[in-house]
Amino acid sequence: MHPETNLTMGRVLARAWSDPEFKTRLLAGPKAALRELGIGLPDGLDIVARENTAKAVHLAISAPPVAVPKSAFSDIRDFAETYRDPRLWPLNWIARDPPATARLVADPLGELGRLGVRAPKGLAVVMLANTAAVAHLILPPKPPARHCTPRLFERLAAGHAPAALRFGRLLGAGPYNTLIAALSGERS
């Protein structure tokens, strides 16, 4: 499997975007919903699920550096954390500075603006922090119906779940729509 694939999150996204009842269960009780997909988590680790929408984006700052073996937990954590997108790399350094983290949590749009990231008007940004024992599962907004093709769900289920999906439209509708079009087999 390609190192940029994320089988856990691909399966979760494919199911959540194709089955509204599953999505409801996932947001209400992520560990139980993950078990429906055969994805178990060890005792002592927890998942908190959040959904990005057209009006709100959740960003998870990195957990303190801890060696975590490749697992469903690490896949969920890695998908949520901002370090995978170079436009948001500075957030990883901020996460290691308590005063900077406090500013980011208190005023995410202001701090992102200082980094050159301009969120679309009317979009709220909520900062979350992963820990060694808690990971945030960020569910990106479901794409428009025209992109919800069998090919999209097949590719997601096979692990093709680029981390950039989680930002939704934070960085503009164009990149998100282009990514979804490519995954669904359409031209943007």
C-alpha atoms as a PDB file:
ATOM      1  CA  MET A   1       0.000   0.000   0.000  1.00  0.00           C
ATOM      2  CA  HIS A   2       1.263   3.515  -0.807  1.00  0.00           C
ATOM      3  CA  PRO A   3       2.575   5.383   2.264  1.00  0.00           C
ATOM      4  CA  GLU A   4       0.083   8.222   1.733  1.00  0.00           C
ATOM      5  CA  THR A   5      -2.919   5.936   1.961  1.00  0.00           C
ATOM      6  CA  ASN A   6      -5.051   5.769   5.066  1.00  0.00           C
ATOM      7  CA  LEU A   7      -7.151   2.629   5.012  1.00  0.00           C
ATOM      8  CA  THR A   8      -8.857   3.363   8.332  1.00  0.00           C
ATOM      9  CA  MET A   9     -10.061   6.849   7.424  1.00  0.00           C
ATOM     10  CA  GLY A  10     -10.830   5.852   3.850  1.00  0.00           C
ATOM     11  CA  ARG A  11     -13.193   3.142   5.082  1.00  0.00           C
ATOM     12  CA  VAL A  12     -14.739   5.527   7.630  1.00  0.00           C
ATOM     13  CA  LEU A  13     -15.314   8.254   5.034  1.00  0.00           C
ATOM     14  CA  ALA A  14     -16.736   5.857   2.452  1.00  0.00           C
ATOM     15  CA  ARG A  15     -19.244   4.517   4.957  1.00  0.00           C
ATOM     16  CA  ALA A  16     -20.128   7.863   6.580  1.00  0.00           C
ATOM     17  CA  TRP A  17     -20.672   9.572   3.222  1.00  0.00           C
ATOM     18  CA  SER A  18     -22.777   6.703   1.840  1.00  0.00           C
ATOM     19  CA  ASP A  19     -24.767   5.812   4.981  1.00  0.00           C
ATOM     20  CA  PRO A  20     -26.325   8.732   6.937  1.00  0.00           C
ATOM     21  CA  GLU A  21     -27.335   6.460   9.842  1.00  0.00           C
ATOM     22  CA  PHE A  22     -23.744   5.293  10.233  1.00  0.00           C
ATOM     23  CA  LYS A  23     -22.559   8.904  10.214  1.00  0.00           C
ATOM     24  CA  THR A  24     -24.994   9.712  13.022  1.00  0.00           C
ATOM     25  CA  ARG A  25     -23.713   6.746  15.053  1.00  0.00           C
ATOM     26  CA  LEU A  26     -20.101   7.712  14.316  1.00  0.00           C
ATOM     27  CA  LEU A  27     -20.573  11.250  15.597  1.00  0.00           C
ATOM     28  CA  ALA A  28     -22.472  10.054  18.697  1.00  0.00           C
ATOM     29  CA  GLY A  29     -20.258   7.095  19.620  1.00  0.00           C
ATOM     30  CA  PRO A  30     -17.156   6.753  17.452  1.00  0.00           C
ATOM     31  CA  LYS A  31     -15.647   3.650  19.095  1.00  0.00           C
ATOM     32  CA  ALA A  32     -18.867   1.652  18.679  1.00  0.00           C
ATOM     33  CA  ALA A  33     -19.295   2.837  15.077  1.00  0.00           C
ATOM     34  CA  LEU A  34     -15.694   1.934  14.281  1.00  0.00           C
ATOM     35  CA  ARG A  35     -16.303  -1.580  15.649  1.00  0.00           C
ATOM     36  CA  GLU A  36     -19.091  -1.922  13.033  1.00  0.00           C
ATOM     37  CA  LEU A  37     -16.313  -1.608  10.430  1.00  0.00           C
ATOM     38  CA  GLY A  38     -14.153  -4.134  12.252  1.00  0.00           C
ATOM     39  CA  ILE A  39     -11.890  -1.366  13.543  1.00  0.00           C
ATOM     40  CA  GLY A  40     -11.041  -1.860  17.186  1.00  0.00           C
ATOM     41  CA  LEU A  41      -9.057   0.368  19.493  1.00  0.00           C
ATOM     42  CA  PRO A  42      -7.063  -0.756  22.503  1.00  0.00           C
ATOM     43  CA  ASP A  43      -8.336   0.047  25.977  1.00  0.00           C
ATOM     44  CA  GLY A  44      -7.062   3.364  27.250  1.00  0.00           C
ATOM     45  CA  LEU A  45      -7.320   5.105  23.863  1.00  0.00           C
ATOM     46  CA  ASP A  46     -10.306   7.222  22.957  1.00  0.00           C
ATOM     47  CA  ILE A  47     -11.709   8.834  19.824  1.00  0.00           C
ATOM     48  CA  VAL A  48     -13.751  12.029  19.682  1.00  0.00           C
ATOM     49  CA  ALA A  49     -15.598  12.606  16.388  1.00  0.00           C
ATOM     50  CA  ARG A  50     -16.272  16.030  14.898  1.00  0.00           C
ATOM     51  CA  GLU A  51     -17.834  16.954  11.569  1.00  0.00           C
ATOM     52  CA  ASN A  52     -16.602  19.762   9.374  1.00  0.00           C
ATOM     53  CA  THR A  53     -19.367  21.652   7.594  1.00  0.00           C
ATOM     54  CA  ALA A  54     -19.689  24.586   5.226  1.00  0.00           C
ATOM     55  CA  LYS A  55     -19.834  26.808   8.320  1.00  0.00           C
ATOM     56  CA  ALA A  56     -17.287  25.221  10.688  1.00  0.00           C
ATOM     57  CA  VAL A  57     -13.909  23.523  10.343  1.00  0.00           C
ATOM     58  CA  HIS A  58     -12.201  21.604  13.137  1.00  0.00           C
ATOM     59  CA  LEU A  59      -8.407  21.526  13.167  1.00  0.00           C
ATOM     60  CA  ALA A  60      -6.421  19.234  15.432  1.00  0.00           C
ATOM     61  CA  ILE A  61      -3.008  20.310  16.538  1.00  0.00           C
ATOM     62  CA  SER A  62      -0.421  17.617  16.969  1.00  0.00           C
ATOM     63  CA  ALA A  63      -0.118  15.489  20.015  1.00  0.00           C
ATOM     64  CA  PRO A  64       3.195  15.764  21.822  1.00  0.00           C
ATOM     65  CA  PRO A  65       5.692  13.588  19.966  1.00  0.00           C
ATOM     66  CA  VAL A  66       5.058  10.046  21.098  1.00  0.00           C
ATOM     67  CA  ALA A  67       6.061   6.936  19.217  1.00  0.00           C
ATOM     68  CA  VAL A  68       2.785   5.274  18.319  1.00  0.00           C
ATOM     69  CA  PRO A  69       2.821   2.105  16.240  1.00  0.00           C
ATOM     70  CA  LYS A  70       0.888   2.131  12.989  1.00  0.00           C
ATOM     71  CA  SER A  71      -2.705   1.373  13.918  1.00  0.00           C
ATOM     72  CA  ALA A  72      -6.272   2.538  13.424  1.00  0.00           C
ATOM     73  CA  PHE A  73      -5.662   5.035  16.246  1.00  0.00           C
ATOM     74  CA  SER A  74      -2.571   6.479  14.525  1.00  0.00           C
ATOM     75  CA  ASP A  75      -4.442   6.623  11.184  1.00  0.00           C
ATOM     76  CA  ILE A  76      -7.265   8.629  12.771  1.00  0.00           C
ATOM     77  CA  ARG A  77      -4.838  10.896  14.613  1.00  0.00           C
ATOM     78  CA  ASP A  78      -2.672  11.452  11.533  1.00  0.00           C
ATOM     79  CA  PHE A  79      -5.679  12.290   9.350  1.00  0.00           C
ATOM     80  CA  ALA A  80      -6.834  14.961  11.809  1.00  0.00           C
ATOM     81  CA  GLU A  81      -3.519  16.641  12.511  1.00  0.00           C
ATOM     82  CA  THR A  82      -2.454  19.670  10.545  1.00  0.00           C
ATOM     83  CA  TYR A  83       1.153  18.698   9.881  1.00  0.00           C
ATOM     84  CA  ARG A  84       0.321  16.993   6.598  1.00  0.00           C
ATOM     85  CA  ASP A  85      -0.434  20.265   4.781  1.00  0.00           C
ATOM     86  CA  PRO A  86       2.500  22.645   4.279  1.00  0.00           C
ATOM     87  CA  ARG A  87       0.223  25.687   4.498  1.00  0.00           C
ATOM     88  CA  LEU A  88      -0.488  24.752   8.116  1.00  0.00           C
ATOM     89  CA  TRP A  89       2.915  23.382   9.208  1.00  0.00           C
ATOM     90  CA  PRO A  90       3.531  26.306  11.582  1.00  0.00           C
ATOM     91  CA  LEU A  91       0.639  25.039  13.711  1.00  0.00           C
ATOM     92  CA  ASN A  92       2.791  22.075  14.697  1.00  0.00           C
ATOM     93  CA  TRP A  93       5.437  24.343  16.178  1.00  0.00           C
ATOM     94  CA  ILE A  94       2.781  26.461  17.847  1.00  0.00           C
ATOM     95  CA  ALA A  95       1.397  23.293  19.460  1.00  0.00           C
ATOM     96  CA  ARG A  96       4.669  22.895  21.347  1.00  0.00           C
ATOM     97  CA  ASP A  97       4.533  26.406  22.819  1.00  0.00           C
ATOM     98  CA  PRO A  98       1.839  26.703  25.527  1.00  0.00           C
ATOM     99  CA  PRO A  99       1.330  30.513  25.202  1.00  0.00           C
ATOM    100  CA  ALA A 100       1.074  30.249  21.397  1.00  0.00           C
ATOM    101  CA  THR A 101      -1.322  27.312  21.733  1.00  0.00           C
ATOM    102  CA  ALA A 102      -3.485  29.344  24.118  1.00  0.00           C
ATOM    103  CA  ARG A 103      -3.631  32.206  21.573  1.00  0.00           C
ATOM    104  CA  LEU A 104      -4.515  29.776  18.799  1.00  0.00           C
ATOM    105  CA  VAL A 105      -7.320  28.175  20.806  1.00  0.00           C
ATOM    106  CA  ALA A 106      -8.663  31.573  21.914  1.00  0.00           C
ATOM    107  CA  ASP A 107      -8.565  33.184  18.456  1.00  0.00           C
ATOM    108  CA  PRO A 108      -8.034  30.593  15.717  1.00  0.00           C
ATOM    109  CA  LEU A 109      -8.965  32.893  12.831  1.00  0.00           C
ATOM    110  CA  GLY A 110      -6.659  35.635  14.082  1.00  0.00           C
ATOM    111  CA  GLU A 111      -3.722  33.291  14.557  1.00  0.00           C
ATOM    112  CA  LEU A 112      -4.317  31.579  11.197  1.00  0.00           C
ATOM    113  CA  GLY A 113      -4.458  35.031   9.597  1.00  0.00           C
ATOM    114  CA  ARG A 114      -1.025  35.825  11.057  1.00  0.00           C
ATOM    115  CA  LEU A 115       0.213  32.683   9.286  1.00  0.00           C
ATOM    116  CA  GLY A 116      -1.259  33.884   5.998  1.00  0.00           C
ATOM    117  CA  VAL A 117      -4.268  31.542   6.015  1.00  0.00           C
ATOM    118  CA  ARG A 118      -7.425  33.498   5.254  1.00  0.00           C
ATOM    119  CA  ALA A 119     -10.553  31.508   5.982  1.00  0.00           C
ATOM    120  CA  PRO A 120     -13.612  32.183   3.832  1.00  0.00           C
ATOM    121  CA  LYS A 121     -16.003  34.711   5.322  1.00  0.00           C
ATOM    122  CA  GLY A 122     -18.480  33.171   7.767  1.00  0.00           C
ATOM    123  CA  LEU A 123     -16.384  30.052   8.412  1.00  0.00           C
ATOM    124  CA  ALA A 124     -15.745  29.267  12.079  1.00  0.00           C
ATOM    125  CA  VAL A 125     -12.546  27.453  13.021  1.00  0.00           C
ATOM    126  CA  VAL A 126     -12.433  25.264  16.121  1.00  0.00           C
ATOM    127  CA  MET A 127      -9.057  24.143  17.428  1.00  0.00           C
ATOM    128  CA  LEU A 128      -8.718  20.704  18.999  1.00  0.00           C
ATOM    129  CA  ALA A 129      -5.665  19.089  20.550  1.00  0.00           C
ATOM    130  CA  ASN A 130      -4.834  15.440  20.174  1.00  0.00           C
ATOM    131  CA  THR A 131      -3.082  13.747  23.081  1.00  0.00           C
ATOM    132  CA  ALA A 132      -1.259  10.472  23.495  1.00  0.00           C
ATOM    133  CA  ALA A 133      -4.567   8.849  24.528  1.00  0.00           C
ATOM    134  CA  VAL A 134      -7.230  10.867  22.643  1.00  0.00           C
ATOM    135  CA  ALA A 135      -7.463  11.426  18.907  1.00  0.00           C
ATOM    136  CA  HIS A 136     -10.019  13.532  17.088  1.00  0.00           C
ATOM    137  CA  LEU A 137     -11.703  11.923  14.121  1.00  0.00           C
ATOM    138  CA  ILE A 138     -12.439  14.773  11.713  1.00  0.00           C
ATOM    139  CA  LEU A 139     -15.223  13.958   9.276  1.00  0.00           C
ATOM    140  CA  PRO A 140     -14.932  16.203   6.206  1.00  0.00           C
ATOM    141  CA  PRO A 141     -18.073  17.608   4.616  1.00  0.00           C
ATOM    142  CA  LYS A 142     -19.808  15.205   2.278  1.00  0.00           C
ATOM    143  CA  PRO A 143     -19.152  16.136  -1.340  1.00  0.00           C
ATOM    144  CA  PRO A 144     -21.986  17.203  -3.645  1.00  0.00           C
ATOM    145  CA  ALA A 145     -24.131  14.309  -4.902  1.00  0.00           C
ATOM    146  CA  ARG A 146     -22.628  14.454  -8.398  1.00  0.00           C
ATOM    147  CA  HIS A 147     -19.265  13.431  -6.924  1.00  0.00           C
ATOM    148  CA  CYS A 148     -20.652  10.624  -4.755  1.00  0.00           C
ATOM    149  CA  THR A 149     -19.916   8.016  -7.357  1.00  0.00           C
ATOM    150  CA  PRO A 150     -19.158   4.322  -6.873  1.00  0.00           C
ATOM    151  CA  ARG A 151     -15.578   5.145  -7.902  1.00  0.00           C
ATOM    152  CA  LEU A 152     -15.254   7.705  -5.078  1.00  0.00           C
ATOM    153  CA  PHE A 153     -16.441   5.198  -2.479  1.00  0.00           C
ATOM    154  CA  GLU A 154     -14.254   2.417  -3.922  1.00  0.00           C
ATOM    155  CA  ARG A 155     -11.153   4.635  -3.863  1.00  0.00           C
ATOM    156  CA  LEU A 156     -11.858   5.829  -0.328  1.00  0.00           C
ATOM    157  CA  ALA A 157     -12.472   2.276   0.910  1.00  0.00           C
ATOM    158  CA  ALA A 158      -9.141   1.275  -0.663  1.00  0.00           C
ATOM    159  CA  GLY A 159      -7.411   3.899   1.485  1.00  0.00           C
ATOM    160  CA  HIS A 160      -7.180   6.842  -0.889  1.00  0.00           C
ATOM    161  CA  ALA A 161      -8.129   9.425   1.728  1.00  0.00           C
ATOM    162  CA  PRO A 162      -5.827  12.414   1.304  1.00  0.00           C
ATOM    163  CA  ALA A 163      -5.394  14.307   4.557  1.00  0.00           C
ATOM    164  CA  ALA A 164      -6.267  17.548   2.729  1.00  0.00           C
ATOM    165  CA  LEU A 165      -9.904  16.378   2.658  1.00  0.00           C
ATOM    166  CA  ARG A 166     -10.274  17.199   6.333  1.00  0.00           C
ATOM    167  CA  PHE A 167      -9.812  20.919   5.790  1.00  0.00           C
ATOM    168  CA  GLY A 168     -12.966  21.028   3.704  1.00  0.00           C
ATOM    169  CA  ARG A 169     -13.185  24.542   2.380  1.00  0.00           C
ATOM    170  CA  LEU A 170     -10.821  26.242   4.866  1.00  0.00           C
ATOM    171  CA  LEU A 171      -8.294  26.809   2.119  1.00  0.00           C
ATOM    172  CA  GLY A 172     -10.940  27.640  -0.480  1.00  0.00           C
ATOM    173  CA  ALA A 173     -13.586  25.660  -2.339  1.00  0.00           C
ATOM    174  CA  GLY A 174     -11.391  25.187  -5.422  1.00  0.00           C
ATOM    175  CA  PRO A 175      -8.797  22.806  -3.948  1.00  0.00           C
ATOM    176  CA  TYR A 176     -11.440  20.743  -2.127  1.00  0.00           C
ATOM    177  CA  ASN A 177     -13.635  20.429  -5.220  1.00  0.00           C
ATOM    178  CA  THR A 178     -10.637  19.520  -7.388  1.00  0.00           C
ATOM    179  CA  LEU A 179      -9.566  16.826  -4.936  1.00  0.00           C
ATOM    180  CA  ILE A 180     -13.074  15.343  -4.739  1.00  0.00           C
ATOM    181  CA  ALA A 181     -13.425  15.429  -8.542  1.00  0.00           C
ATOM    182  CA  ALA A 182     -10.140  13.560  -8.937  1.00  0.00           C
ATOM    183  CA  LEU A 183     -11.135  10.933  -6.381  1.00  0.00           C
ATOM    184  CA  SER A 184     -14.544  10.432  -7.978  1.00  0.00           C
ATOM    185  CA  GLY A 185     -13.064  10.036 -11.455  1.00  0.00           C
ATOM    186  CA  GLU A 186     -14.448  13.296 -12.837  1.00  0.00           C
ATOM    187  CA  ARG A 187     -12.599  16.187 -14.307  1.00  0.00           C
ATOM    188  CA  SER A 188     -12.892  19.392 -12.307  1.00  0.00           C
END
